[in-house]
């Protein structure tokens, strides 16, 4: 038998991180593995040359996708053709279901290549019928959350809970946080707010101005408050332009040019050094929980998506800390509730009592597999065991 051939597809930074950890796990368990596909810098660092820039796929919302529809459709066909042409032992698609599942559907129609999807669809939150549709093109699902396998297995797919990478993430030490604050001219006693306007340009454009308004109001009643803004590489220029228009100064943490290990360490320390966070909703909630940093979660969409998507939701929260612990301790402002007044009120409450989320954040990490086998290795083993 020749070397194991794996074709992977990721479409956004969170998927790139999952893909890189999975690739590292596969290399550990099957050293001769050969990779091909689409990914970002972390996956490329593990030995894959991406067919095209992953940022082309980092879109969200109906109004954002529609103008790119024909381009994305062409990329879907190109990717599926590449998979079928290369005949890998397995196709692993990672999150980004609007792109990835369409690729998997074409691959299934034209071959018998085994298909694995990493990250179960959030059928417990909205559009529960997605699991049944997904079963038409996916053989095996790797789930991040322990409550997800029954939803997938009920539709005939194999599904393994492999743990969430945030659960085993290193937490910066108090000394590292002190060094970080000193390096950025931040006094230990100053309240430090971590601001996370998003990892997509559309998110930054929608969230940023309201975040700036909120921070300006908070600074008036908290004159010693300081702000840091870690900027995802894909939106660093947009974040720098945005912060110039804020009524208060903020320290931008730009990780471009750093090697992946240094970038991750810098981001991890920034998260842990902060007292509270104002964050765009998403997987970043788990990174904050891993760092022990309490948060206010917010999200807004284009006006059309804002009207349509809430009607599809079957849960009253999308914040992962709230969902995993079945609590509602993290304030969440979405869509029409995402106003400067609402966000400011939530942030004032959090600054007054940051400890209110501590128990839920610790419980979240325990439920997601803290202290167990590395999720990348666990995911790799799950893939290999079912080939």
Protein backbone atom coordinates (compact mmCIF):
# COMPACT_ATOMS: atom_id res chain seq x y z
CA UNK A 1 0.00 0.00 0.00
CA UNK A 2 1.34 3.44 -0.92
CA UNK A 3 1.40 6.60 1.14
CA UNK A 4 -1.91 7.82 2.53
CA UNK A 5 -3.29 10.61 0.31
CA UNK A 6 -5.52 13.19 1.97
CA UNK A 7 -7.26 16.08 0.24
CA UNK A 8 -8.39 18.82 2.66
CA UNK A 9 -10.55 21.90 2.10
CA UNK A 10 -10.81 24.79 4.58
CA UNK A 11 -12.40 28.15 3.89
CA UNK A 12 -11.66 30.44 6.83
CA UNK A 13 -9.09 31.02 9.61
CA UNK A 14 -10.84 28.81 12.19
CA UNK A 15 -10.94 25.98 9.65
CA UNK A 16 -7.29 26.57 8.81
CA UNK A 17 -6.40 26.06 12.49
CA UNK A 18 -8.48 22.88 12.72
CA UNK A 19 -6.99 21.58 9.49
CA UNK A 20 -3.43 22.25 10.60
CA UNK A 21 -3.93 20.39 13.89
CA UNK A 22 -5.54 17.47 12.03
CA UNK A 23 -2.65 17.37 9.55
CA UNK A 24 -0.15 17.32 12.42
CA UNK A 25 -2.10 14.44 13.96
CA UNK A 26 -2.15 12.52 10.69
CA UNK A 27 1.59 12.98 10.28
CA UNK A 28 2.10 11.64 13.79
CA UNK A 29 -0.01 8.53 13.17
CA UNK A 30 0.82 8.02 9.47
CA UNK A 31 4.22 9.64 8.76
CA UNK A 32 4.12 9.02 5.00
CA UNK A 33 0.85 10.93 4.52
CA UNK A 34 0.64 13.25 1.48
CA UNK A 35 -1.57 16.35 1.51
CA UNK A 36 -3.32 18.38 -1.18
CA UNK A 37 -6.16 20.86 -1.16
CA UNK A 38 -7.13 24.36 -0.04
CA UNK A 39 -6.13 26.00 3.20
CA UNK A 40 -4.48 28.95 4.86
CA UNK A 41 -1.01 29.65 6.27
CA UNK A 42 -1.27 27.18 9.15
CA UNK A 43 -2.17 24.29 6.85
CA UNK A 44 0.51 25.32 4.38
CA UNK A 45 3.01 25.25 7.24
CA UNK A 46 2.07 21.60 7.75
CA UNK A 47 2.99 20.76 4.17
CA UNK A 48 0.11 21.61 1.87
CA UNK A 49 0.25 23.95 -1.11
CA UNK A 50 -3.16 25.59 -1.41
CA UNK A 51 -4.76 25.53 -4.87
CA UNK A 52 -5.94 29.12 -4.41
CA UNK A 53 -6.10 31.74 -1.66
CA UNK A 54 -8.40 30.56 1.10
CA UNK A 55 -9.61 34.12 1.70
CA UNK A 56 -11.78 33.82 -1.41
CA UNK A 57 -14.09 31.60 0.64
CA UNK A 58 -14.28 33.69 3.82
CA UNK A 59 -17.76 35.03 3.22
CA UNK A 60 -20.85 35.02 5.41
CA UNK A 61 -24.42 36.19 4.90
CA UNK A 62 -26.75 36.11 1.95
CA UNK A 63 -25.91 39.58 0.66
CA UNK A 64 -22.17 38.87 0.90
CA UNK A 65 -22.31 35.60 -1.01
CA UNK A 66 -24.64 36.60 -3.85
CA UNK A 67 -22.22 38.93 -5.68
CA UNK A 68 -19.58 36.18 -5.62
CA UNK A 69 -21.97 33.37 -6.57
CA UNK A 70 -20.62 32.53 -10.03
CA UNK A 71 -17.01 32.80 -8.93
CA UNK A 72 -17.67 30.47 -5.98
CA UNK A 73 -19.57 28.06 -8.22
CA UNK A 74 -16.55 27.88 -10.52
CA UNK A 75 -14.22 27.30 -7.57
CA UNK A 76 -16.50 24.51 -6.31
CA UNK A 77 -16.30 22.74 -9.68
CA UNK A 78 -12.52 23.24 -9.92
CA UNK A 79 -12.00 21.83 -6.45
CA UNK A 80 -14.22 18.80 -7.02
CA UNK A 81 -12.43 18.08 -10.32
CA UNK A 82 -9.09 18.25 -8.52
CA UNK A 83 -10.26 15.78 -5.88
CA UNK A 84 -11.59 13.30 -8.42
CA UNK A 85 -8.49 13.70 -10.57
CA UNK A 86 -6.11 13.03 -7.69
CA UNK A 87 -8.11 10.12 -6.23
CA UNK A 88 -7.12 10.60 -2.57
CA UNK A 89 -7.91 8.01 0.07
CA UNK A 90 -10.16 10.52 1.79
CA UNK A 91 -11.57 14.01 1.24
CA UNK A 92 -11.78 16.02 4.46
CA UNK A 93 -13.81 19.21 4.27
CA UNK A 94 -13.56 21.60 7.21
CA UNK A 95 -16.47 23.81 8.23
CA UNK A 96 -17.55 26.39 5.53
CA UNK A 97 -20.50 24.15 4.59
CA UNK A 98 -21.84 26.33 1.79
CA UNK A 99 -18.65 25.67 -0.14
CA UNK A 100 -17.40 22.39 1.27
CA UNK A 101 -20.60 20.36 1.07
CA UNK A 102 -21.13 21.38 -2.54
CA UNK A 103 -17.64 20.13 -3.30
CA UNK A 104 -18.36 16.87 -1.48
CA UNK A 105 -21.62 16.44 -3.40
CA UNK A 106 -19.84 16.68 -6.76
CA UNK A 107 -17.11 14.33 -5.56
CA UNK A 108 -19.67 11.74 -4.45
CA UNK A 109 -21.50 12.03 -7.77
CA UNK A 110 -18.30 11.33 -9.71
CA UNK A 111 -16.39 8.87 -7.51
CA UNK A 112 -16.46 6.54 -4.52
CA UNK A 113 -13.95 8.64 -2.51
CA UNK A 114 -14.66 8.60 1.21
CA UNK A 115 -15.84 11.96 2.52
CA UNK A 116 -15.31 13.34 6.01
CA UNK A 117 -16.63 16.67 7.27
CA UNK A 118 -14.90 18.30 10.24
CA UNK A 119 -17.32 20.34 12.38
CA UNK A 120 -20.88 19.13 12.62
CA UNK A 121 -23.54 21.52 11.30
CA UNK A 122 -25.32 23.44 14.04
CA UNK A 123 -28.61 21.60 13.51
CA UNK A 124 -29.34 22.09 17.22
CA UNK A 125 -29.45 25.86 16.57
CA UNK A 126 -31.10 26.25 13.17
CA UNK A 127 -32.11 24.40 10.00
CA UNK A 128 -32.24 20.89 11.52
CA UNK A 129 -32.90 19.40 8.08
CA UNK A 130 -29.27 20.04 7.13
CA UNK A 131 -28.14 16.78 8.72
CA UNK A 132 -30.36 14.71 6.43
CA UNK A 133 -29.16 16.58 3.34
CA UNK A 134 -25.56 16.32 4.46
CA UNK A 135 -25.84 12.53 4.74
CA UNK A 136 -26.23 12.37 0.95
CA UNK A 137 -22.60 13.39 0.43
CA UNK A 138 -20.79 12.86 3.77
CA UNK A 139 -19.79 9.48 5.22
CA UNK A 140 -18.22 10.56 8.49
CA UNK A 141 -18.44 13.65 10.72
CA UNK A 142 -15.87 14.90 13.24
CA UNK A 143 -17.77 16.78 15.96
CA UNK A 144 -16.36 19.48 18.23
CA UNK A 145 -19.08 19.20 20.86
CA UNK A 146 -20.11 16.12 22.88
CA UNK A 147 -23.84 16.55 22.30
CA UNK A 148 -23.59 16.46 18.49
CA UNK A 149 -23.01 12.77 17.46
CA UNK A 150 -26.64 11.64 18.00
CA UNK A 151 -27.89 14.27 15.53
CA UNK A 152 -25.52 12.98 12.84
CA UNK A 153 -25.94 9.26 13.57
CA UNK A 154 -29.71 9.59 13.38
CA UNK A 155 -29.30 10.43 9.68
CA UNK A 156 -26.95 7.51 8.96
CA UNK A 157 -23.54 9.20 9.18
CA UNK A 158 -20.71 7.95 11.37
CA UNK A 159 -19.79 10.64 13.90
CA UNK A 160 -17.03 10.97 16.49
CA UNK A 161 -16.69 13.64 19.16
CA UNK A 162 -13.01 14.56 18.90
CA UNK A 163 -12.82 17.45 21.35
CA UNK A 164 -12.35 21.13 20.75
CA UNK A 165 -8.83 22.56 20.33
CA UNK A 166 -9.65 25.41 22.69
CA UNK A 167 -9.94 22.94 25.57
CA UNK A 168 -6.25 22.04 25.45
CA UNK A 169 -4.97 25.47 24.54
CA UNK A 170 -2.15 26.80 26.71
CA UNK A 171 -3.08 29.66 29.00
CA UNK A 172 -0.59 32.50 29.34
CA UNK A 173 0.96 32.82 32.79
CA UNK A 174 0.61 35.83 35.05
CA UNK A 175 4.25 36.71 34.38
CA UNK A 176 3.71 36.55 30.61
CA UNK A 177 0.68 38.82 30.96
CA UNK A 178 2.66 41.29 33.06
CA UNK A 179 5.42 41.38 30.44
CA UNK A 180 2.81 41.89 27.70
CA UNK A 181 1.22 44.82 29.55
CA UNK A 182 4.58 46.43 30.21
CA UNK A 183 5.64 46.04 26.56
CA UNK A 184 2.52 47.94 25.47
CA UNK A 185 2.73 50.60 28.16
CA UNK A 186 -0.28 49.26 30.07
CA UNK A 187 -0.25 49.67 33.84
CA UNK A 188 -1.23 46.61 35.87
CA UNK A 189 -4.07 48.50 37.55
CA UNK A 190 -5.62 49.82 34.34
CA UNK A 191 -8.80 47.99 33.21
CA UNK A 192 -7.87 46.36 29.89
CA UNK A 193 -10.56 45.65 27.30
CA UNK A 194 -9.84 43.18 24.49
CA UNK A 195 -11.71 44.22 21.34
CA UNK A 196 -12.39 41.63 18.63
CA UNK A 197 -14.28 43.14 15.68
CA UNK A 198 -14.11 39.96 13.57
CA UNK A 199 -11.96 38.00 11.14
CA UNK A 200 -13.85 38.93 7.94
CA UNK A 201 -13.89 42.33 6.28
CA UNK A 202 -17.67 42.42 6.31
CA UNK A 203 -17.72 41.80 10.05
CA UNK A 204 -15.14 44.49 10.74
CA UNK A 205 -17.07 46.99 8.65
CA UNK A 206 -20.38 46.29 10.44
CA UNK A 207 -19.16 45.73 14.00
CA UNK A 208 -16.31 48.22 14.20
CA UNK A 209 -18.16 51.56 14.22
CA UNK A 210 -20.56 50.45 16.95
CA UNK A 211 -17.70 49.00 18.98
CA UNK A 212 -15.89 52.33 18.69
CA UNK A 213 -18.95 54.22 19.90
CA UNK A 214 -19.32 51.90 22.88
CA UNK A 215 -15.65 52.19 23.82
CA UNK A 216 -15.83 55.97 23.65
CA UNK A 217 -18.78 55.99 26.06
CA UNK A 218 -17.10 53.54 28.44
CA UNK A 219 -13.88 55.56 28.47
CA UNK A 220 -15.74 58.61 29.78
CA UNK A 221 -16.74 56.76 32.94
CA UNK A 222 -13.52 54.68 33.08
CA UNK A 223 -10.73 57.17 32.25
CA UNK A 224 -7.98 54.62 33.03
CA UNK A 225 -9.47 52.00 30.72
CA UNK A 226 -7.22 50.79 27.89
CA UNK A 227 -8.04 48.87 24.70
CA UNK A 228 -6.13 46.26 22.71
CA UNK A 229 -7.24 44.96 19.33
CA UNK A 230 -5.62 41.75 18.00
CA UNK A 231 -6.04 41.95 14.24
CA UNK A 232 -6.47 38.78 12.18
CA UNK A 233 -3.95 38.93 9.30
CA UNK A 234 -6.65 38.93 6.61
CA UNK A 235 -8.27 42.08 8.05
CA UNK A 236 -5.30 43.83 9.68
CA UNK A 237 -5.36 46.77 7.24
CA UNK A 238 -9.11 47.18 7.68
CA UNK A 239 -8.77 47.12 11.48
CA UNK A 240 -6.01 49.74 11.40
CA UNK A 241 -8.17 52.03 9.27
CA UNK A 242 -11.16 51.42 11.54
CA UNK A 243 -9.36 52.21 14.80
CA UNK A 244 -8.26 55.60 13.43
CA UNK A 245 -11.92 56.65 13.47
CA UNK A 246 -12.58 55.54 17.06
CA UNK A 247 -12.95 58.29 19.67
CA UNK A 248 -10.42 56.54 21.94
CA UNK A 249 -6.92 55.21 21.24
CA UNK A 250 -6.35 51.45 21.02
CA UNK A 251 -3.28 49.25 20.79
CA UNK A 252 -3.40 47.08 17.67
CA UNK A 253 -1.71 43.70 17.92
CA UNK A 254 -0.55 42.95 14.37
CA UNK A 255 0.78 39.39 14.01
CA UNK A 256 1.63 39.66 10.32
CA UNK A 257 5.22 38.71 9.69
CA UNK A 258 5.43 36.53 12.79
CA UNK A 259 5.97 32.80 12.50
CA UNK A 260 2.90 30.76 13.46
CA UNK A 261 4.20 29.83 16.93
CA UNK A 262 5.04 33.41 17.87
CA UNK A 263 1.73 34.65 16.46
CA UNK A 264 -0.25 32.13 18.50
CA UNK A 265 1.69 32.95 21.67
CA UNK A 266 1.15 36.69 21.16
CA UNK A 267 -2.56 36.23 20.60
CA UNK A 268 -2.87 33.88 23.59
CA UNK A 269 -1.13 36.36 25.89
CA UNK A 270 -3.24 39.28 24.66
CA UNK A 271 -6.40 37.29 25.43
CA UNK A 272 -5.25 36.34 28.93
CA UNK A 273 -3.88 39.80 29.79
CA UNK A 274 -7.25 41.47 29.25
CA UNK A 275 -9.79 41.91 32.04
CA UNK A 276 -12.85 41.69 29.78
CA UNK A 277 -13.56 41.32 26.06
CA UNK A 278 -15.96 42.82 23.57
CA UNK A 279 -16.15 40.18 20.88
CA UNK A 280 -17.82 39.45 17.58
CA UNK A 281 -19.71 36.20 18.11
CA UNK A 282 -18.11 32.97 16.90
CA UNK A 283 -15.54 30.38 17.93
CA UNK A 284 -13.54 33.16 19.57
CA UNK A 285 -15.86 32.72 22.58
CA UNK A 286 -14.11 29.43 23.31
CA UNK A 287 -10.67 31.01 22.98
CA UNK A 288 -11.75 33.61 25.51
CA UNK A 289 -13.11 30.94 27.83
CA UNK A 290 -9.80 29.07 27.55
CA UNK A 291 -8.00 32.28 28.54
CA UNK A 292 -10.41 32.90 31.41
CA UNK A 293 -11.45 36.26 29.95
CA UNK A 294 -15.13 37.19 30.44
CA UNK A 295 -16.91 38.61 27.43
CA UNK A 296 -19.82 40.38 25.85
CA UNK A 297 -20.71 38.71 22.55
CA UNK A 298 -22.25 40.62 19.67
CA UNK A 299 -23.06 40.01 16.05
CA UNK A 300 -24.73 41.81 13.19
CA UNK A 301 -25.49 40.87 9.61
CA UNK A 302 -26.37 42.63 6.42
CA UNK A 303 -29.93 43.96 6.64
CA UNK A 304 -31.39 41.12 4.54
CA UNK A 305 -29.70 38.39 6.57
CA UNK A 306 -30.72 40.20 9.75
CA UNK A 307 -34.36 39.74 8.82
CA UNK A 308 -34.20 36.18 7.50
CA UNK A 309 -31.75 34.30 9.72
CA UNK A 310 -33.34 35.00 13.15
CA UNK A 311 -36.54 33.41 11.89
CA UNK A 312 -34.62 30.18 11.27
CA UNK A 313 -33.07 29.96 14.74
CA UNK A 314 -34.38 27.30 17.11
CA UNK A 315 -32.26 28.39 20.09
CA UNK A 316 -32.20 31.62 22.08
CA UNK A 317 -28.39 31.91 22.04
CA UNK A 318 -25.56 31.25 19.63
CA UNK A 319 -22.76 31.89 22.13
CA UNK A 320 -20.84 28.64 22.53
CA UNK A 321 -20.15 29.12 26.25
CA UNK A 322 -23.87 29.51 26.85
CA UNK A 323 -24.68 26.49 24.70
CA UNK A 324 -22.09 24.07 26.05
CA UNK A 325 -22.95 24.83 29.68
CA UNK A 326 -26.69 25.31 29.06
CA UNK A 327 -26.41 28.67 30.80
CA UNK A 328 -26.94 32.22 29.65
CA UNK A 329 -24.19 33.99 31.57
CA UNK A 330 -22.57 35.59 28.52
CA UNK A 331 -24.53 38.67 27.34
CA UNK A 332 -25.27 38.38 23.64
CA UNK A 333 -26.52 41.12 21.34
CA UNK A 334 -27.49 40.00 17.85
CA UNK A 335 -29.11 41.69 14.85
CA UNK A 336 -31.64 44.31 15.87
CA UNK A 337 -30.45 44.04 19.50
CA UNK A 338 -26.94 45.04 18.44
CA UNK A 339 -27.06 48.72 19.37
CA UNK A 340 -24.46 50.89 21.04
CA UNK A 341 -26.72 51.43 24.08
CA UNK A 342 -27.33 47.69 24.56
CA UNK A 343 -23.66 46.78 24.17
CA UNK A 344 -22.55 49.58 26.50
CA UNK A 345 -25.00 48.44 29.20
CA UNK A 346 -23.75 44.86 28.94
CA UNK A 347 -20.11 45.96 29.09
CA UNK A 348 -20.77 48.15 32.14
CA UNK A 349 -22.29 45.17 33.93
CA UNK A 350 -19.33 42.98 33.02
CA UNK A 351 -16.76 45.54 34.13
CA UNK A 352 -18.60 45.83 37.46
CA UNK A 353 -18.45 42.04 38.07
CA UNK A 354 -16.11 40.13 35.70
CA UNK A 355 -16.24 37.00 37.90
CA UNK A 356 -19.82 36.20 36.95
CA UNK A 357 -18.70 34.06 33.99
CA UNK A 358 -15.77 32.26 35.64
CA UNK A 359 -17.57 29.02 36.56
CA UNK A 360 -19.20 28.66 33.14
CA UNK A 361 -15.91 29.19 31.31
CA UNK A 362 -14.15 26.51 33.38
CA UNK A 363 -17.06 24.11 32.89
CA UNK A 364 -16.96 24.73 29.15
CA UNK A 365 -13.34 23.68 28.92
CA UNK A 366 -13.95 20.54 30.99
CA UNK A 367 -16.88 19.47 28.80
CA UNK A 368 -14.86 20.04 25.64
CA UNK A 369 -12.11 17.65 26.71
CA UNK A 370 -9.58 19.62 28.71
CA UNK A 371 -6.74 17.40 29.86
CA UNK A 372 -7.43 14.67 27.30
CA UNK A 373 -5.70 13.69 24.06
CA UNK A 374 -4.89 16.48 21.64
CA UNK A 375 -7.99 17.05 19.48
CA UNK A 376 -5.92 17.03 16.27
CA UNK A 377 -4.54 13.58 17.08
CA UNK A 378 -7.96 12.40 18.22
CA UNK A 379 -9.51 13.60 14.96
CA UNK A 380 -6.74 11.97 12.93
CA UNK A 381 -7.25 8.65 14.72
CA UNK A 382 -11.00 8.83 14.09
CA UNK A 383 -10.36 9.35 10.36
CA UNK A 384 -7.85 6.51 10.11
CA UNK A 385 -9.96 4.07 12.15
CA UNK A 386 -12.85 4.38 9.70
CA UNK A 387 -10.94 4.21 6.40
